[in-house]
C-alpha atoms as a PDB file:
ATOM      1  CA  MET A   1       0.000   0.000   0.000  1.00  0.00           C
ATOM      2  CA  ARG A   2       1.334   3.387  -0.923  1.00  0.00           C
ATOM      3  CA  PRO A   3       1.749   5.978   1.852  1.00  0.00           C
ATOM      4  CA  GLY A   4      -0.794   8.506   0.514  1.00  0.00           C
ATOM      5  CA  ARG A   5      -3.461   5.920  -0.161  1.00  0.00           C
ATOM      6  CA  GLY A   6      -4.391   5.331   3.493  1.00  0.00           C
ATOM      7  CA  ALA A   7      -4.898   9.032   4.132  1.00  0.00           C
ATOM      8  CA  GLY A   8      -7.101   9.308   1.043  1.00  0.00           C
ATOM      9  CA  LEU A   9      -9.252   6.381   2.132  1.00  0.00           C
ATOM     10  CA  LEU A  10      -9.553   7.836   5.636  1.00  0.00           C
ATOM     11  CA  LEU A  11     -10.593  11.198   4.186  1.00  0.00           C
ATOM     12  CA  LEU A  12     -13.158   9.528   1.922  1.00  0.00           C
ATOM     13  CA  LEU A  13     -14.570   7.583   4.868  1.00  0.00           C
ATOM     14  CA  LEU A  14     -14.874  10.759   6.937  1.00  0.00           C
ATOM     15  CA  VAL A  15     -16.670  12.550   4.099  1.00  0.00           C
ATOM     16  CA  VAL A  16     -19.161   9.683   3.690  1.00  0.00           C
ATOM     17  CA  VAL A  17     -19.848   9.528   7.439  1.00  0.00           C
ATOM     18  CA  GLY A  18     -20.242  13.304   7.554  1.00  0.00           C
ATOM     19  CA  LEU A  19     -22.757  13.246   4.698  1.00  0.00           C
ATOM     20  CA  LEU A  20     -24.761  10.460   6.288  1.00  0.00           C
ATOM     21  CA  LEU A  21     -24.865  12.198   9.661  1.00  0.00           C
ATOM     22  CA  GLY A  22     -25.641  15.535   8.038  1.00  0.00           C
ATOM     23  CA  ARG A  23     -28.794  14.153   6.455  1.00  0.00           C
ATOM     24  CA  ARG A  24     -30.294  13.392   9.827  1.00  0.00           C
ATOM     25  CA  ARG A  25     -32.348  16.197  11.218  1.00  0.00           C
ATOM     26  CA  ALA A  26     -34.491  16.508  14.238  1.00  0.00           C
ATOM     27  CA  PRO A  27     -38.206  16.539  13.415  1.00  0.00           C
ATOM     28  CA  ALA A  28     -39.535  20.051  13.369  1.00  0.00           C
ATOM     29  CA  ALA A  29     -41.967  21.001  16.087  1.00  0.00           C
ATOM     30  CA  GLN A  30     -44.460  22.095  13.431  1.00  0.00           C
ATOM     31  CA  ASP A  31     -44.564  18.736  11.654  1.00  0.00           C
ATOM     32  CA  PRO A  32     -47.741  16.809  12.443  1.00  0.00           C
ATOM     33  CA  ALA A  33     -47.088  13.647  14.413  1.00  0.00           C
ATOM     34  CA  LEU A  34     -48.268  10.486  12.694  1.00  0.00           C
ATOM     35  CA  VAL A  35     -49.340   8.119  15.406  1.00  0.00           C
ATOM     36  CA  PRO A  36     -50.526   4.604  14.540  1.00  0.00           C
ATOM     37  CA  GLY A  37     -54.237   4.314  15.173  1.00  0.00           C
ATOM     38  CA  SER A  38     -54.949   8.035  14.990  1.00  0.00           C
ATOM     39  CA  ARG A  39     -57.799   9.261  12.839  1.00  0.00           C
ATOM     40  CA  ILE A  40     -57.586  11.629   9.897  1.00  0.00           C
ATOM     41  CA  GLY A  41     -59.842  14.093  11.676  1.00  0.00           C
ATOM     42  CA  ASP A  42     -57.415  14.200  14.600  1.00  0.00           C
ATOM     43  CA  LEU A  43     -54.511  14.871  12.252  1.00  0.00           C
ATOM     44  CA  GLU A  44     -56.430  17.627  10.457  1.00  0.00           C
ATOM     45  CA  ALA A  45     -57.366  19.240  13.772  1.00  0.00           C
ATOM     46  CA  GLY A  46     -53.715  19.166  14.837  1.00  0.00           C
ATOM     47  CA  MET A  47     -52.676  20.719  11.550  1.00  0.00           C
ATOM     48  CA  LEU A  48     -55.255  23.490  11.963  1.00  0.00           C
ATOM     49  CA  GLN A  49     -53.991  24.204  15.472  1.00  0.00           C
ATOM     50  CA  ALA A  50     -50.404  24.350  14.230  1.00  0.00           C
ATOM     51  CA  GLY A  51     -51.403  26.604  11.334  1.00  0.00           C
ATOM     52  CA  LEU A  52     -50.215  24.115   8.725  1.00  0.00           C
ATOM     53  CA  GLN A  53     -53.443  23.788   6.761  1.00  0.00           C
ATOM     54  CA  GLY A  54     -52.633  26.571   4.305  1.00  0.00           C
ATOM     55  CA  ARG A  55     -48.990  25.512   3.888  1.00  0.00           C
ATOM     56  CA  LEU A  56     -49.744  22.094   2.402  1.00  0.00           C
ATOM     57  CA  PRO A  57     -51.227  22.641  -1.056  1.00  0.00           C
ATOM     58  CA  MET A  58     -52.632  19.605  -2.791  1.00  0.00           C
ATOM     59  CA  PRO A  59     -50.816  18.964  -6.079  1.00  0.00           C
ATOM     60  CA  ALA A  60     -52.910  18.913  -9.208  1.00  0.00           C
ATOM     61  CA  LEU A  61     -52.771  15.519 -10.846  1.00  0.00           C
ATOM     62  CA  ALA A  62     -52.076  15.395 -14.540  1.00  0.00           C
ATOM     63  CA  ASP A  63     -54.672  13.851 -16.823  1.00  0.00           C
ATOM     64  CA  PRO A  64     -53.479  10.294 -17.619  1.00  0.00           C
ATOM     65  CA  ASN A  65     -55.008  10.465 -21.103  1.00  0.00           C
ATOM     66  CA  GLN A  66     -53.048  13.631 -21.857  1.00  0.00           C
ATOM     67  CA  LEU A  67     -49.832  12.005 -20.628  1.00  0.00           C
ATOM     68  CA  MET A  68     -50.477   8.973 -22.871  1.00  0.00           C
ATOM     69  CA  ARG A  69     -51.082  11.229 -25.884  1.00  0.00           C
ATOM     70  CA  GLU A  70     -47.828  13.070 -25.239  1.00  0.00           C
ATOM     71  CA  ARG A  71     -45.917   9.783 -24.977  1.00  0.00           C
ATOM     72  CA  ALA A  72     -47.496   8.551 -28.223  1.00  0.00           C
ATOM     73  CA  ARG A  73     -46.577  11.790 -30.019  1.00  0.00           C
ATOM     74  CA  ALA A  74     -43.011  11.528 -28.754  1.00  0.00           C
ATOM     75  CA  LEU A  75     -42.755   7.919 -29.971  1.00  0.00           C
ATOM     76  CA  VAL A  76     -44.093   8.874 -33.417  1.00  0.00           C
ATOM     77  CA  GLN A  77     -41.508  11.638 -33.690  1.00  0.00           C
ATOM     78  CA  GLN A  78     -38.619   9.470 -32.463  1.00  0.00           C
ATOM     79  CA  ASP A  79     -39.398   6.175 -34.200  1.00  0.00           C
ATOM     80  CA  PRO A  80     -42.306   6.249 -36.677  1.00  0.00           C
ATOM     81  CA  GLY A  81     -41.753   2.612 -37.737  1.00  0.00           C
ATOM     82  CA  LYS A  82     -42.043   1.300 -34.202  1.00  0.00           C
ATOM     83  CA  ALA A  83     -45.136   3.443 -33.616  1.00  0.00           C
ATOM     84  CA  ALA A  84     -46.723   1.979 -36.761  1.00  0.00           C
ATOM     85  CA  GLN A  85     -45.955  -1.581 -35.613  1.00  0.00           C
ATOM     86  CA  ILE A  86     -47.491  -0.920 -32.209  1.00  0.00           C
ATOM     87  CA  LEU A  87     -50.604   0.592 -33.778  1.00  0.00           C
ATOM     88  CA  LYS A  88     -50.920  -2.317 -36.226  1.00  0.00           C
ATOM     89  CA  ALA A  89     -50.549  -4.883 -33.413  1.00  0.00           C
ATOM     90  CA  TRP A  90     -53.091  -3.010 -31.309  1.00  0.00           C
ATOM     91  CA  MET A  91     -55.593  -2.962 -34.169  1.00  0.00           C
ATOM     92  CA  THR A  92     -55.208  -6.689 -34.922  1.00  0.00           C
ATOM     93  CA  GLU A  93     -55.487  -7.527 -31.226  1.00  0.00           C
ATOM     94  CA  ASP A  94     -58.720  -5.566 -31.002  1.00  0.00           C
ATOM     95  CA  ALA A  95     -60.311  -7.353 -33.977  1.00  0.00           C
ATOM     96  CA  PRO A  96     -58.530 -10.710 -34.542  1.00  0.00           C
ATOM     97  CA  HIS A  97     -61.169 -12.118 -36.929  1.00  0.00           C
ATOM     98  CA  ALA A  98     -61.548  -9.111 -39.167  1.00  0.00           C
END
């Protein structure tokens, strides 16, 4: 083993341990406590008391049909031959005796 190699490994180990310990954080006092067996109404009441109700916006879900259309358009632009094969297979699967 070369002399500088041990110091480099020790430094790398210290950096990894520091990163892992740095990710830990104490739970904030404002975070709602999730207790097994508690009811949703109890959690909502606790959030209202802590003033967290307005801070947690509900994300708008994307329309799955719109996402599928966008993926299909992207496939047609990238590989029109593959898109044609998929469409042809889908059509024959839908009506096998036609």
